Amino acid sequence: MSEVVILTEAAALQIKDMMKEHGEEGAYLRVGVKGGGCSGLSYGMGFEHERQDEDYELEQYGIKILVDKESAPILKGTVIDYKQSLMGGGFTIDNPNAIATCGCGSSFRTATNAGTPEEC
């Protein structure tokens, strides 16, 4: 599968710093989608040490990325960036498949998958 998620260089540098800070060098970055959030679906990112059979594996900027086959079509073409501002920094996610997002920016729905909304 072509690039399911795309890391910017800024995001990759932040992820590498976090891996080092938490002793996770060599771990995979898992990116996925789960039901929940204000709009029905929520993004998830975390470190993992084992690849599952149902995972797609990508590598960008030296970071190995895992995306499960269920999340892949929902995330296809998603860009993960890291923005720094006077109020601090944070990851931003630009998903071309999202047709609605909530104010917090971490919950969304697509035309084909609305998920199950929760209260924010």
N, C-alpha and C. Protein backbone atom coordinates (compact mmCIF):
# COMPACT_ATOMS: atom_id res chain seq x y z
N MET A 1 0.86 -1.19 0.00
CA MET A 1 0.00 0.00 0.00
C MET A 1 0.90 1.23 0.00
N SER A 2 0.50 2.25 -0.80
CA SER A 2 1.28 3.48 -0.81
C SER A 2 1.24 4.11 0.57
N GLU A 3 1.91 5.22 0.74
CA GLU A 3 2.06 5.83 2.06
C GLU A 3 0.70 6.07 2.71
N VAL A 4 0.44 5.32 3.75
CA VAL A 4 -0.80 5.47 4.49
C VAL A 4 -0.73 6.75 5.30
N VAL A 5 0.36 6.93 6.03
CA VAL A 5 0.59 8.17 6.78
C VAL A 5 1.93 8.74 6.34
N ILE A 6 2.02 10.05 6.41
CA ILE A 6 3.23 10.75 6.02
C ILE A 6 3.68 11.60 7.20
N LEU A 7 4.89 11.38 7.67
CA LEU A 7 5.47 12.20 8.73
C LEU A 7 6.22 13.37 8.10
N THR A 8 6.05 14.55 8.66
CA THR A 8 6.90 15.66 8.26
C THR A 8 8.23 15.50 9.00
N GLU A 9 9.22 16.22 8.56
CA GLU A 9 10.53 16.16 9.23
C GLU A 9 10.41 16.64 10.67
N ALA A 10 9.62 17.68 10.90
CA ALA A 10 9.44 18.21 12.27
C ALA A 10 8.81 17.15 13.18
N ALA A 11 7.80 16.42 12.67
CA ALA A 11 7.17 15.37 13.46
C ALA A 11 8.16 14.25 13.75
N ALA A 12 8.93 13.87 12.74
CA ALA A 12 9.91 12.79 12.91
C ALA A 12 10.94 13.16 13.97
N LEU A 13 11.43 14.39 13.95
CA LEU A 13 12.42 14.82 14.95
C LEU A 13 11.82 14.77 16.36
N GLN A 14 10.57 15.21 16.50
CA GLN A 14 9.91 15.17 17.81
C GLN A 14 9.71 13.74 18.28
N ILE A 15 9.30 12.86 17.38
CA ILE A 15 9.09 11.46 17.73
C ILE A 15 10.41 10.82 18.16
N LYS A 16 11.48 11.11 17.43
CA LYS A 16 12.80 10.56 17.82
C LYS A 16 13.20 11.05 19.20
N ASP A 17 12.96 12.34 19.48
CA ASP A 17 13.27 12.88 20.82
C ASP A 17 12.45 12.17 21.89
N MET A 18 11.17 11.93 21.61
CA MET A 18 10.31 11.25 22.58
C MET A 18 10.76 9.80 22.78
N MET A 19 11.17 9.13 21.71
CA MET A 19 11.66 7.76 21.82
C MET A 19 12.89 7.70 22.73
N LYS A 20 13.78 8.65 22.51
CA LYS A 20 15.01 8.69 23.32
C LYS A 20 14.67 9.00 24.79
N GLU A 21 13.80 9.98 25.00
CA GLU A 21 13.42 10.39 26.36
C GLU A 21 12.76 9.25 27.14
N HIS A 22 12.00 8.41 26.46
CA HIS A 22 11.28 7.33 27.12
C HIS A 22 11.95 5.96 26.97
N GLY A 23 13.19 5.95 26.47
CA GLY A 23 13.91 4.68 26.32
C GLY A 23 13.28 3.75 25.30
N GLU A 24 12.70 4.30 24.25
CA GLU A 24 11.99 3.51 23.25
C GLU A 24 12.72 3.46 21.90
N GLU A 25 14.03 3.79 21.89
CA GLU A 25 14.76 3.72 20.62
C GLU A 25 14.61 2.33 20.03
N GLY A 26 14.39 2.27 18.74
CA GLY A 26 14.21 0.98 18.08
C GLY A 26 12.79 0.48 18.07
N ALA A 27 11.89 1.15 18.80
CA ALA A 27 10.49 0.75 18.82
C ALA A 27 9.79 1.21 17.54
N TYR A 28 8.65 0.64 17.29
CA TYR A 28 7.80 1.09 16.19
C TYR A 28 6.93 2.24 16.70
N LEU A 29 6.52 3.10 15.80
CA LEU A 29 5.49 4.08 16.09
C LEU A 29 4.19 3.51 15.53
N ARG A 30 3.23 3.24 16.40
CA ARG A 30 1.93 2.74 15.95
C ARG A 30 1.00 3.93 15.78
N VAL A 31 0.38 4.00 14.60
CA VAL A 31 -0.61 5.03 14.30
C VAL A 31 -1.89 4.31 13.94
N GLY A 32 -2.99 4.70 14.56
CA GLY A 32 -4.25 4.01 14.29
C GLY A 32 -5.45 4.87 14.57
N VAL A 33 -6.60 4.25 14.37
CA VAL A 33 -7.89 4.89 14.58
C VAL A 33 -8.72 3.96 15.45
N LYS A 34 -9.48 4.54 16.37
CA LYS A 34 -10.39 3.73 17.18
C LYS A 34 -11.71 4.48 17.29
N GLY A 35 -12.75 3.77 17.63
CA GLY A 35 -14.06 4.38 17.82
C GLY A 35 -14.07 5.23 19.07
N GLY A 36 -14.80 6.33 19.02
CA GLY A 36 -14.92 7.21 20.18
C GLY A 36 -14.63 8.65 19.81
N GLY A 37 -14.62 9.52 20.78
CA GLY A 37 -14.40 10.93 20.55
C GLY A 37 -15.69 11.62 20.17
N CYS A 38 -15.67 12.94 20.11
CA CYS A 38 -16.87 13.75 19.83
C CYS A 38 -17.48 13.43 18.47
N SER A 39 -16.64 13.17 17.48
CA SER A 39 -17.15 12.96 16.12
C SER A 39 -17.28 11.50 15.74
N GLY A 40 -16.83 10.58 16.57
CA GLY A 40 -17.03 9.16 16.32
C GLY A 40 -15.76 8.34 16.17
N LEU A 41 -14.68 8.93 15.69
CA LEU A 41 -13.40 8.24 15.55
C LEU A 41 -12.31 9.09 16.19
N SER A 42 -11.30 8.44 16.75
CA SER A 42 -10.18 9.14 17.37
C SER A 42 -8.87 8.57 16.86
N TYR A 43 -7.87 9.43 16.77
CA TYR A 43 -6.52 9.01 16.39
C TYR A 43 -5.79 8.48 17.61
N GLY A 44 -4.87 7.57 17.37
CA GLY A 44 -4.03 7.08 18.43
C GLY A 44 -2.60 6.92 17.92
N MET A 45 -1.64 7.27 18.76
CA MET A 45 -0.22 7.07 18.45
C MET A 45 0.47 6.58 19.71
N GLY A 46 1.40 5.65 19.53
CA GLY A 46 2.14 5.15 20.66
C GLY A 46 3.30 4.30 20.19
N PHE A 47 4.13 3.89 21.11
CA PHE A 47 5.28 3.06 20.79
C PHE A 47 4.96 1.59 21.04
N GLU A 48 5.49 0.75 20.18
CA GLU A 48 5.24 -0.68 20.27
C GLU A 48 6.49 -1.42 19.84
N HIS A 49 6.71 -2.59 20.41
CA HIS A 49 7.94 -3.34 20.09
C HIS A 49 7.73 -4.52 19.16
N GLU A 50 6.48 -4.91 18.92
CA GLU A 50 6.23 -6.06 18.06
C GLU A 50 5.24 -5.73 16.97
N ARG A 51 5.54 -6.20 15.78
CA ARG A 51 4.66 -6.05 14.62
C ARG A 51 3.66 -7.20 14.62
N GLN A 52 2.40 -6.89 14.30
CA GLN A 52 1.36 -7.91 14.20
C GLN A 52 1.17 -8.30 12.74
N ASP A 53 0.61 -9.48 12.49
CA ASP A 53 0.38 -9.95 11.13
C ASP A 53 -0.50 -9.01 10.31
N GLU A 54 -1.44 -8.34 10.97
CA GLU A 54 -2.37 -7.46 10.26
C GLU A 54 -1.86 -6.03 10.10
N ASP A 55 -0.57 -5.81 10.33
CA ASP A 55 0.00 -4.46 10.24
C ASP A 55 0.67 -4.21 8.89
N TYR A 56 0.52 -2.98 8.41
CA TYR A 56 1.37 -2.47 7.34
C TYR A 56 2.56 -1.83 8.03
N GLU A 57 3.75 -2.00 7.45
CA GLU A 57 4.95 -1.38 8.01
C GLU A 57 5.52 -0.39 7.01
N LEU A 58 5.79 0.82 7.47
CA LEU A 58 6.39 1.88 6.68
C LEU A 58 7.64 2.34 7.39
N GLU A 59 8.50 3.06 6.69
CA GLU A 59 9.64 3.69 7.35
C GLU A 59 9.84 5.07 6.74
N GLN A 60 9.91 6.07 7.61
CA GLN A 60 10.14 7.45 7.19
C GLN A 60 11.08 8.11 8.19
N TYR A 61 12.10 8.79 7.67
CA TYR A 61 13.08 9.49 8.50
C TYR A 61 13.69 8.56 9.55
N GLY A 62 13.83 7.29 9.22
CA GLY A 62 14.42 6.33 10.15
C GLY A 62 13.46 5.82 11.22
N ILE A 63 12.19 6.19 11.13
CA ILE A 63 11.19 5.73 12.10
C ILE A 63 10.35 4.65 11.43
N LYS A 64 10.27 3.50 12.09
CA LYS A 64 9.42 2.42 11.60
C LYS A 64 8.00 2.65 12.11
N ILE A 65 7.05 2.66 11.18
CA ILE A 65 5.66 2.98 11.50
C ILE A 65 4.78 1.76 11.24
N LEU A 66 3.88 1.47 12.17
CA LEU A 66 2.90 0.40 12.00
C LEU A 66 1.51 0.99 11.91
N VAL A 67 0.71 0.49 10.95
CA VAL A 67 -0.69 0.87 10.82
C VAL A 67 -1.47 -0.42 10.59
N ASP A 68 -2.47 -0.68 11.42
CA ASP A 68 -3.26 -1.90 11.23
C ASP A 68 -4.11 -1.78 9.97
N LYS A 69 -4.44 -2.91 9.39
CA LYS A 69 -5.15 -2.94 8.11
C LYS A 69 -6.55 -2.33 8.19
N GLU A 70 -7.15 -2.31 9.37
CA GLU A 70 -8.46 -1.69 9.53
C GLU A 70 -8.37 -0.16 9.50
N SER A 71 -7.30 0.39 10.08
CA SER A 71 -7.12 1.84 10.12
C SER A 71 -6.57 2.39 8.81
N ALA A 72 -5.85 1.58 8.05
CA ALA A 72 -5.15 2.05 6.86
C ALA A 72 -6.04 2.81 5.87
N PRO A 73 -7.19 2.28 5.46
CA PRO A 73 -7.98 3.04 4.49
C PRO A 73 -8.51 4.36 5.05
N ILE A 74 -8.76 4.42 6.34
CA ILE A 74 -9.25 5.64 6.97
C ILE A 74 -8.15 6.69 7.05
N LEU A 75 -6.89 6.23 7.19
CA LEU A 75 -5.75 7.13 7.34
C LEU A 75 -5.03 7.45 6.03
N LYS A 76 -5.36 6.78 4.95
CA LYS A 76 -4.61 6.92 3.69
C LYS A 76 -4.40 8.39 3.31
N GLY A 77 -3.14 8.78 3.19
CA GLY A 77 -2.79 10.14 2.81
C GLY A 77 -2.69 11.12 3.96
N THR A 78 -2.84 10.65 5.19
CA THR A 78 -2.80 11.52 6.36
C THR A 78 -1.38 12.03 6.62
N VAL A 79 -1.27 13.32 6.88
CA VAL A 79 0.02 13.96 7.18
C VAL A 79 0.07 14.28 8.67
N ILE A 80 1.13 13.79 9.33
CA ILE A 80 1.34 14.08 10.75
C ILE A 80 2.49 15.08 10.84
N ASP A 81 2.22 16.20 11.47
CA ASP A 81 3.21 17.27 11.60
C ASP A 81 3.37 17.61 13.08
N TYR A 82 4.39 18.38 13.39
CA TYR A 82 4.58 18.88 14.75
C TYR A 82 4.77 20.37 14.65
N LYS A 83 3.95 21.12 15.38
CA LYS A 83 4.00 22.58 15.35
C LYS A 83 4.40 23.10 16.73
N GLN A 84 5.31 24.06 16.73
CA GLN A 84 5.74 24.71 17.96
C GLN A 84 5.17 26.12 17.97
N SER A 85 4.65 26.56 19.11
CA SER A 85 4.13 27.92 19.24
C SER A 85 4.49 28.46 20.62
N LEU A 86 4.12 29.69 20.87
CA LEU A 86 4.40 30.30 22.18
C LEU A 86 3.68 29.56 23.30
N MET A 87 2.58 28.90 22.98
CA MET A 87 1.80 28.17 23.98
C MET A 87 2.28 26.73 24.13
N GLY A 88 3.35 26.36 23.46
CA GLY A 88 3.85 24.99 23.52
C GLY A 88 3.76 24.35 22.16
N GLY A 89 3.97 23.05 22.11
CA GLY A 89 3.95 22.35 20.84
C GLY A 89 2.99 21.20 20.86
N GLY A 90 2.72 20.69 19.68
CA GLY A 90 1.84 19.54 19.60
C GLY A 90 1.78 18.99 18.19
N PHE A 91 1.34 17.75 18.09
CA PHE A 91 1.19 17.11 16.79
C PHE A 91 -0.11 17.57 16.16
N THR A 92 -0.07 17.76 14.84
CA THR A 92 -1.26 18.05 14.07
C THR A 92 -1.46 16.93 13.07
N ILE A 93 -2.71 16.61 12.80
CA ILE A 93 -3.03 15.52 11.89
C ILE A 93 -3.95 16.06 10.82
N ASP A 94 -3.51 15.95 9.57
CA ASP A 94 -4.30 16.40 8.43
C ASP A 94 -4.72 15.18 7.63
N ASN A 95 -5.98 14.78 7.83
CA ASN A 95 -6.50 13.58 7.19
C ASN A 95 -7.44 13.99 6.05
N PRO A 96 -7.04 13.72 4.79
CA PRO A 96 -7.90 14.12 3.67
C PRO A 96 -9.22 13.35 3.62
N ASN A 97 -9.35 12.28 4.39
CA ASN A 97 -10.57 11.48 4.41
C ASN A 97 -11.59 11.97 5.42
N ALA A 98 -11.18 12.84 6.33
CA ALA A 98 -12.09 13.34 7.36
C ALA A 98 -13.04 14.36 6.76
N ILE A 99 -14.34 14.17 6.99
CA ILE A 99 -15.32 15.14 6.49
C ILE A 99 -15.84 16.02 7.62
N ALA A 100 -15.58 15.64 8.87
CA ALA A 100 -15.98 16.45 10.02
C ALA A 100 -15.01 16.17 11.16
N THR A 101 -14.65 17.21 11.88
CA THR A 101 -13.79 17.07 13.06
C THR A 101 -14.42 17.87 14.19
N CYS A 102 -14.01 17.55 15.41
CA CYS A 102 -14.52 18.32 16.54
C CYS A 102 -13.49 19.39 16.91
N GLY A 103 -13.84 20.22 17.83
CA GLY A 103 -12.99 21.33 18.22
C GLY A 103 -11.64 20.91 18.76
N CYS A 104 -11.54 19.74 19.38
CA CYS A 104 -10.27 19.32 19.96
C CYS A 104 -9.29 18.85 18.88
N GLY A 105 -9.80 18.55 17.68
CA GLY A 105 -8.93 18.18 16.57
C GLY A 105 -8.47 16.74 16.57
N SER A 106 -8.80 15.97 17.58
CA SER A 106 -8.35 14.57 17.61
C SER A 106 -9.49 13.60 17.32
N SER A 107 -10.67 14.11 17.07
CA SER A 107 -11.82 13.26 16.77
C SER A 107 -12.38 13.67 15.41
N PHE A 108 -12.83 12.68 14.64
CA PHE A 108 -13.27 12.96 13.28
C PHE A 108 -14.21 11.87 12.80
N ARG A 109 -14.78 12.07 11.62
CA ARG A 109 -15.50 11.00 10.94
C ARG A 109 -15.24 11.13 9.45
N THR A 110 -15.43 10.03 8.74
CA THR A 110 -15.25 10.00 7.30
C THR A 110 -16.60 9.77 6.65
N ALA A 111 -16.65 9.86 5.32
CA ALA A 111 -17.90 9.64 4.60
C ALA A 111 -18.40 8.21 4.78
N THR A 112 -17.48 7.26 4.95
CA THR A 112 -17.88 5.86 5.05
C THR A 112 -17.82 5.29 6.46
N ASN A 113 -17.28 6.06 7.43
CA ASN A 113 -17.14 5.53 8.78
C ASN A 113 -17.38 6.65 9.78
N ALA A 114 -18.54 6.61 10.42
CA ALA A 114 -18.89 7.64 11.39
C ALA A 114 -18.46 7.27 12.80
N GLY A 115 -18.18 5.99 13.07
CA GLY A 115 -17.81 5.58 14.41
C GLY A 115 -18.97 5.79 15.37
N THR A 116 -18.69 5.79 16.66
CA THR A 116 -19.69 6.00 17.69
C THR A 116 -19.28 7.21 18.54
N PRO A 117 -19.93 8.36 18.32
CA PRO A 117 -19.56 9.57 19.06
C PRO A 117 -19.74 9.43 20.56
N GLU A 118 -18.85 10.11 21.30
CA GLU A 118 -18.96 10.20 22.76
C GLU A 118 -19.05 11.68 23.10
N GLU A 119 -19.42 11.99 24.31
CA GLU A 119 -19.43 13.38 24.74
C GLU A 119 -18.00 13.84 24.95
N CYS A 120 -17.71 15.09 24.59
CA CYS A 120 -16.36 15.66 24.81
C CYS A 120 -16.23 16.17 26.22
